[in-house]
Amino acid sequence: MGDFPVSPLVCIGVGSSFAFAGLFYRLYQDKKKELKKLKEIPVFKPDEHLLKVLKATPHNRLQYVAVEGMVQADGEPLASQFVPRCFGVIQRTTVEEHWQYWSSLTRTWNSQTINRKESSNSVPFSLVSPGAYISDLSVKVQNPLEASGCYLERVYYKLRRAEEGLVNVVLQGLNGEKPVAMEESEKLLRVGSILTGFGEVVLEGGQVIRLQAPQDGRKYILMLTDYRSFIDRHERSETIWKVLTALTGITGTSLLAGVIYNLVGKQDDKSK
């Protein structure tokens, strides 16, 4: 038997290319199915059309729809603790302390983050059509803290470094621990933001519309974006997986074609 004519690295390259092509294709198909389901979800805005549809449906209920609107506090909004004239309807503040602890086993300082304080506040709020008046229709958002999704915007962040004095250095050596820094951050769902909510919509009392967690087990989602931008982001993700599938597939095919060409060429040389 002669020497193996194909480099092991080429074989690895061919196998890896086709393996990644298969993986990317599966991710592309999953994203494609997810996008198809998203596009099948009815989309509404807080207006008369939504009210008419609800009145025409059994039990005045839409099981799973998307509602896009502008955030408006039903009463007094929450004021930012750090940013002047910044108001929201959901507020989350976090204070984290970063410490280092001395390990006598490894003779090194090990870092550790301690979540000292995290608090969430919310006030009742609704979604309205941009430019709507107070008398216009709105959709009240129920239990927003139970929803998943990215609906908070970071409005404040500060990292405070610990100051080391002579006394602190001595105490740190005795205790085997020392503070490094403290992080403060604040996130808000700001008044006036465009929000898209996915969930169940019900009509109560003939005029009050509510967006709430679905009863059929599907996800209750709030996204800090309009519906079109939300779909565009998923379409870009689908395109990325599609392009990666094509690139890795073409690479694997090209390498395999090169291997076959070299094998055929060597066989022709031997026959001559």
Protein backbone atom coordinates (compact mmCIF):
# COMPACT_ATOMS: atom_id res chain seq x y z
CA MET A 1 0.00 0.00 0.00
CA GLY A 2 1.38 3.41 -0.97
CA ASP A 3 1.65 6.52 1.15
CA PHE A 4 -1.62 8.17 2.02
CA PRO A 5 -1.94 10.87 -0.70
CA VAL A 6 -4.20 13.25 1.23
CA SER A 7 -2.99 15.46 4.06
CA PRO A 8 -4.69 14.76 7.41
CA LEU A 9 -5.26 18.51 7.78
CA VAL A 10 -7.23 18.52 4.52
CA CYS A 11 -9.38 15.65 5.80
CA ILE A 12 -10.00 17.53 9.04
CA GLY A 13 -10.86 20.63 7.03
CA VAL A 14 -13.37 18.75 4.87
CA GLY A 15 -15.01 17.05 7.85
CA SER A 16 -15.13 20.24 9.91
CA SER A 17 -16.61 22.26 7.03
CA PHE A 18 -19.44 19.80 6.47
CA ALA A 19 -20.02 19.44 10.22
CA PHE A 20 -20.34 23.22 10.66
CA ALA A 21 -22.50 23.41 7.52
CA GLY A 22 -24.87 20.87 9.08
CA LEU A 23 -24.95 22.76 12.38
CA PHE A 24 -25.54 26.15 10.73
CA TYR A 25 -28.23 24.65 8.49
CA ARG A 26 -30.09 23.28 11.51
CA LEU A 27 -29.87 26.68 13.23
CA TYR A 28 -31.07 28.32 10.02
CA GLN A 29 -34.06 25.98 9.81
CA ASP A 30 -34.91 26.56 13.49
CA LYS A 31 -34.76 30.33 13.03
CA LYS A 32 -36.81 30.06 9.84
CA LYS A 33 -39.56 28.14 11.66
CA GLU A 34 -39.46 30.60 14.57
CA LEU A 35 -39.74 33.55 12.17
CA LYS A 36 -42.67 31.95 10.37
CA LYS A 37 -44.52 31.52 13.67
CA LEU A 38 -43.78 35.13 14.65
CA LYS A 39 -45.16 36.43 11.37
CA GLU A 40 -48.36 34.45 11.92
CA ILE A 41 -49.06 36.37 15.15
CA PRO A 42 -51.67 39.12 14.56
CA VAL A 43 -50.34 42.63 15.24
CA PHE A 44 -52.46 45.46 16.63
CA LYS A 45 -52.11 48.99 17.91
CA PRO A 46 -54.18 50.57 20.69
CA ASP A 47 -56.92 51.93 18.43
CA GLU A 48 -60.53 51.50 17.35
CA HIS A 49 -59.63 48.60 15.08
CA LEU A 50 -58.43 46.52 18.05
CA LEU A 51 -61.59 47.42 19.97
CA LYS A 52 -63.82 46.30 17.08
CA VAL A 53 -61.95 43.00 16.70
CA LEU A 54 -62.26 42.28 20.42
CA LYS A 55 -65.97 43.00 20.43
CA ALA A 56 -66.41 40.61 17.49
CA THR A 57 -64.51 37.71 19.09
CA PRO A 58 -65.98 35.10 21.47
CA HIS A 59 -65.60 36.13 25.13
CA ASN A 60 -64.00 39.43 23.95
CA ARG A 61 -60.60 37.75 24.03
CA LEU A 62 -57.61 37.33 21.67
CA GLN A 63 -55.51 34.40 22.85
CA TYR A 64 -52.10 35.47 21.51
CA VAL A 65 -51.35 38.69 19.66
CA ALA A 66 -48.74 41.45 19.50
CA VAL A 67 -49.62 44.97 20.60
CA GLU A 68 -47.33 47.86 19.68
CA GLY A 69 -47.66 51.23 21.37
CA MET A 70 -46.07 54.04 23.31
CA VAL A 71 -45.59 53.70 27.08
CA GLN A 72 -47.73 56.01 29.18
CA ALA A 73 -48.00 55.96 32.96
CA ASP A 74 -51.55 55.60 34.27
CA GLY A 75 -50.71 57.82 37.22
CA GLU A 76 -47.54 59.37 38.62
CA PRO A 77 -44.44 57.91 36.90
CA LEU A 78 -41.26 56.83 38.67
CA ALA A 79 -38.42 59.36 38.75
CA SER A 80 -34.87 58.21 38.11
CA GLN A 81 -32.70 58.16 41.22
CA PHE A 82 -29.69 59.44 39.29
CA VAL A 83 -30.80 61.18 36.07
CA PRO A 84 -32.73 64.46 36.35
CA ARG A 85 -36.04 64.75 34.45
CA CYS A 86 -35.96 61.07 33.52
CA PHE A 87 -39.18 59.15 34.22
CA GLY A 88 -40.28 55.58 33.78
CA VAL A 89 -42.90 53.01 34.72
CA ILE A 90 -40.54 50.14 35.63
CA GLN A 91 -37.33 50.79 37.56
CA ARG A 92 -34.56 48.40 38.49
CA THR A 93 -31.54 49.51 40.51
CA THR A 94 -28.54 47.31 41.27
CA VAL A 95 -25.57 47.81 43.57
CA GLU A 96 -22.78 45.24 43.38
CA GLU A 97 -19.57 45.07 45.39
CA HIS A 98 -16.45 43.44 43.98
CA TRP A 99 -14.06 41.90 46.52
CA GLN A 100 -10.86 39.93 46.42
CA TYR A 101 -10.09 37.08 48.83
CA TRP A 102 -6.67 35.66 49.59
CA SER A 103 -6.25 31.94 48.95
CA SER A 104 -3.50 30.40 51.07
CA LEU A 105 -3.65 27.28 48.87
CA THR A 106 -2.91 28.99 45.52
CA ARG A 107 -1.18 32.03 47.08
CA THR A 108 -3.29 34.35 44.93
CA TRP A 109 -6.13 36.86 45.30
CA ASN A 110 -9.43 35.51 43.94
CA SER A 111 -12.19 37.85 42.74
CA GLN A 112 -15.79 37.57 43.84
CA THR A 113 -18.86 39.66 43.08
CA ILE A 114 -21.43 40.15 45.83
CA ASN A 115 -24.89 41.39 44.89
CA ARG A 116 -25.58 43.66 47.83
CA LYS A 117 -28.81 45.27 46.65
CA GLU A 118 -31.28 44.89 43.81
CA SER A 119 -34.70 46.45 43.80
CA SER A 120 -37.51 46.65 41.26
CA ASN A 121 -40.40 49.09 41.26
CA SER A 122 -43.27 49.57 38.88
CA VAL A 123 -46.37 51.67 38.45
CA PRO A 124 -49.46 50.86 36.34
CA PHE A 125 -49.01 51.82 32.72
CA SER A 126 -50.66 51.49 29.34
CA LEU A 127 -49.75 51.42 25.67
CA VAL A 128 -51.20 54.18 23.51
CA SER A 129 -50.83 55.10 19.89
CA PRO A 130 -48.04 57.70 19.37
CA GLY A 131 -49.55 61.17 19.41
CA ALA A 132 -52.76 59.95 21.05
CA TYR A 133 -54.75 62.13 23.42
CA ILE A 134 -55.71 61.12 26.94
CA SER A 135 -59.27 60.29 25.84
CA ASP A 136 -58.08 57.89 23.14
CA LEU A 137 -57.98 54.13 23.56
CA SER A 138 -55.18 52.45 25.49
CA VAL A 139 -54.09 48.92 26.39
CA LYS A 140 -53.29 48.39 30.07
CA VAL A 141 -50.25 46.15 30.64
CA GLN A 142 -50.85 43.65 33.44
CA ASN A 143 -48.06 42.29 35.67
CA PRO A 144 -45.15 43.49 33.50
CA LEU A 145 -42.54 42.15 35.94
CA GLU A 146 -43.71 38.62 35.11
CA ALA A 147 -42.93 39.11 31.41
CA SER A 148 -39.71 38.04 29.73
CA GLY A 149 -37.81 39.98 27.08
CA CYS A 150 -35.58 43.06 26.90
CA TYR A 151 -37.72 46.00 27.92
CA LEU A 152 -35.44 48.00 30.23
CA GLU A 153 -32.97 50.67 29.16
CA ARG A 154 -29.86 51.42 31.22
CA VAL A 155 -29.95 55.11 32.05
CA TYR A 156 -27.17 55.23 34.67
CA TYR A 157 -23.96 53.33 35.38
CA LYS A 158 -21.03 54.14 37.63
CA LEU A 159 -18.03 52.12 38.80
CA ARG A 160 -16.45 53.34 42.04
CA ARG A 161 -12.92 52.10 42.70
CA ALA A 162 -11.97 51.33 46.29
CA GLU A 163 -9.32 53.62 47.76
CA GLU A 164 -6.46 51.88 49.54
CA GLY A 165 -4.91 53.62 52.52
CA LEU A 166 -2.11 52.40 54.76
CA VAL A 167 -4.52 51.26 57.48
CA ASN A 168 -6.68 49.41 54.94
CA VAL A 169 -3.66 47.59 53.51
CA VAL A 170 -2.69 46.33 56.99
CA LEU A 171 -6.27 45.21 57.74
CA GLN A 172 -6.54 43.49 54.39
CA GLY A 173 -3.38 41.53 55.11
CA LEU A 174 -4.82 40.36 58.42
CA ASN A 175 -8.33 39.56 57.17
CA GLY A 176 -7.39 38.13 53.78
CA GLU A 177 -10.02 40.17 51.97
CA LYS A 178 -10.19 43.57 50.32
CA PRO A 179 -12.79 45.62 48.44
CA VAL A 180 -12.03 46.35 44.79
CA ALA A 181 -14.94 48.36 43.40
CA MET A 182 -18.65 49.04 43.66
CA GLU A 183 -20.99 49.13 40.64
CA GLU A 184 -24.19 51.15 40.55
CA SER A 185 -26.68 50.87 37.71
CA GLU A 186 -30.23 51.87 37.00
CA LYS A 187 -32.54 50.60 34.28
CA LEU A 188 -35.89 52.05 33.31
CA LEU A 189 -38.78 51.41 31.01
CA ARG A 190 -39.06 55.05 30.12
CA VAL A 191 -42.26 56.96 29.55
CA GLY A 192 -42.64 57.61 25.82
CA SER A 193 -40.73 54.48 24.74
CA ILE A 194 -42.14 52.29 21.97
CA LEU A 195 -42.96 48.85 23.38
CA THR A 196 -44.26 45.68 21.75
CA GLY A 197 -46.02 43.17 23.96
CA PHE A 198 -46.85 39.55 23.08
CA GLY A 199 -49.63 38.00 25.09
CA GLU A 200 -53.36 37.65 25.59
CA VAL A 201 -55.62 40.66 25.08
CA VAL A 202 -59.02 40.89 26.76
CA LEU A 203 -61.79 43.46 26.76
CA GLU A 204 -63.42 44.18 30.11
CA GLY A 205 -66.50 46.30 30.65
CA GLY A 206 -66.83 47.06 26.97
CA GLN A 207 -64.02 49.65 26.98
CA VAL A 208 -61.01 48.59 29.13
CA ILE A 209 -58.43 46.60 27.12
CA ARG A 210 -55.77 44.58 28.95
CA LEU A 211 -52.60 42.83 27.81
CA GLN A 212 -51.75 39.93 30.10
CA ALA A 213 -49.94 36.59 30.36
CA PRO A 214 -51.50 33.98 28.03
CA GLN A 215 -53.54 31.21 29.62
CA ASP A 216 -52.43 28.64 27.03
CA GLY A 217 -48.84 28.52 28.30
CA ARG A 218 -47.21 30.62 25.62
CA LYS A 219 -44.63 33.21 26.63
CA TYR A 220 -45.61 36.64 27.87
CA ILE A 221 -43.03 38.93 26.25
CA LEU A 222 -42.31 42.66 26.34
CA MET A 223 -39.77 44.10 23.89
CA LEU A 224 -38.40 47.64 23.85
CA THR A 225 -38.84 48.05 20.10
CA ASP A 226 -41.49 48.34 17.45
CA TYR A 227 -42.81 45.19 15.81
CA ARG A 228 -41.12 45.80 12.44
CA SER A 229 -37.68 46.22 14.05
CA PHE A 230 -38.30 43.09 16.11
CA ILE A 231 -39.01 41.07 12.94
CA ASP A 232 -36.06 42.68 11.10
CA ARG A 233 -33.71 41.50 13.84
CA HIS A 234 -34.93 37.93 13.48
CA GLU A 235 -34.65 38.13 9.69
CA ARG A 236 -31.04 39.31 9.98
CA SER A 237 -30.30 36.39 12.28
CA GLU A 238 -31.89 34.00 9.77
CA THR A 239 -29.77 35.51 6.96
CA ILE A 240 -26.57 35.11 9.01
CA TRP A 241 -27.19 31.38 9.57
CA LYS A 242 -28.08 30.97 5.89
CA VAL A 243 -24.87 32.67 4.73
CA LEU A 244 -22.73 30.66 7.17
CA THR A 245 -24.36 27.45 5.91
CA ALA A 246 -23.53 28.38 2.31
CA LEU A 247 -19.94 29.44 3.09
CA THR A 248 -19.05 26.32 5.08
CA GLY A 249 -20.83 24.08 2.57
CA ILE A 250 -18.97 25.64 -0.36
CA THR A 251 -15.68 25.40 1.53
CA GLY A 252 -16.21 21.72 2.30
CA THR A 253 -17.27 20.98 -1.27
CA SER A 254 -14.25 22.80 -2.69
CA LEU A 255 -11.85 20.93 -0.41
CA LEU A 256 -13.49 17.60 -1.23
CA ALA A 257 -13.32 18.36 -4.95
CA GLY A 258 -9.62 19.15 -4.56
CA VAL A 259 -9.03 15.85 -2.77
CA ILE A 260 -10.85 13.89 -5.48
CA TYR A 261 -8.94 15.74 -8.20
CA ASN A 262 -5.60 14.93 -6.58
CA LEU A 263 -6.56 11.26 -6.12
CA VAL A 264 -7.63 10.93 -9.76
CA GLY A 265 -4.47 12.71 -10.88
CA LYS A 266 -2.26 10.35 -8.90
CA GLN A 267 -4.10 7.31 -10.28
CA ASP A 268 -3.55 8.59 -13.84
CA ASP A 269 0.17 9.09 -13.12
CA LYS A 270 0.48 5.52 -11.82
CA SER A 271 -1.31 4.05 -14.83
CA LYS A 272 1.03 5.92 -17.19
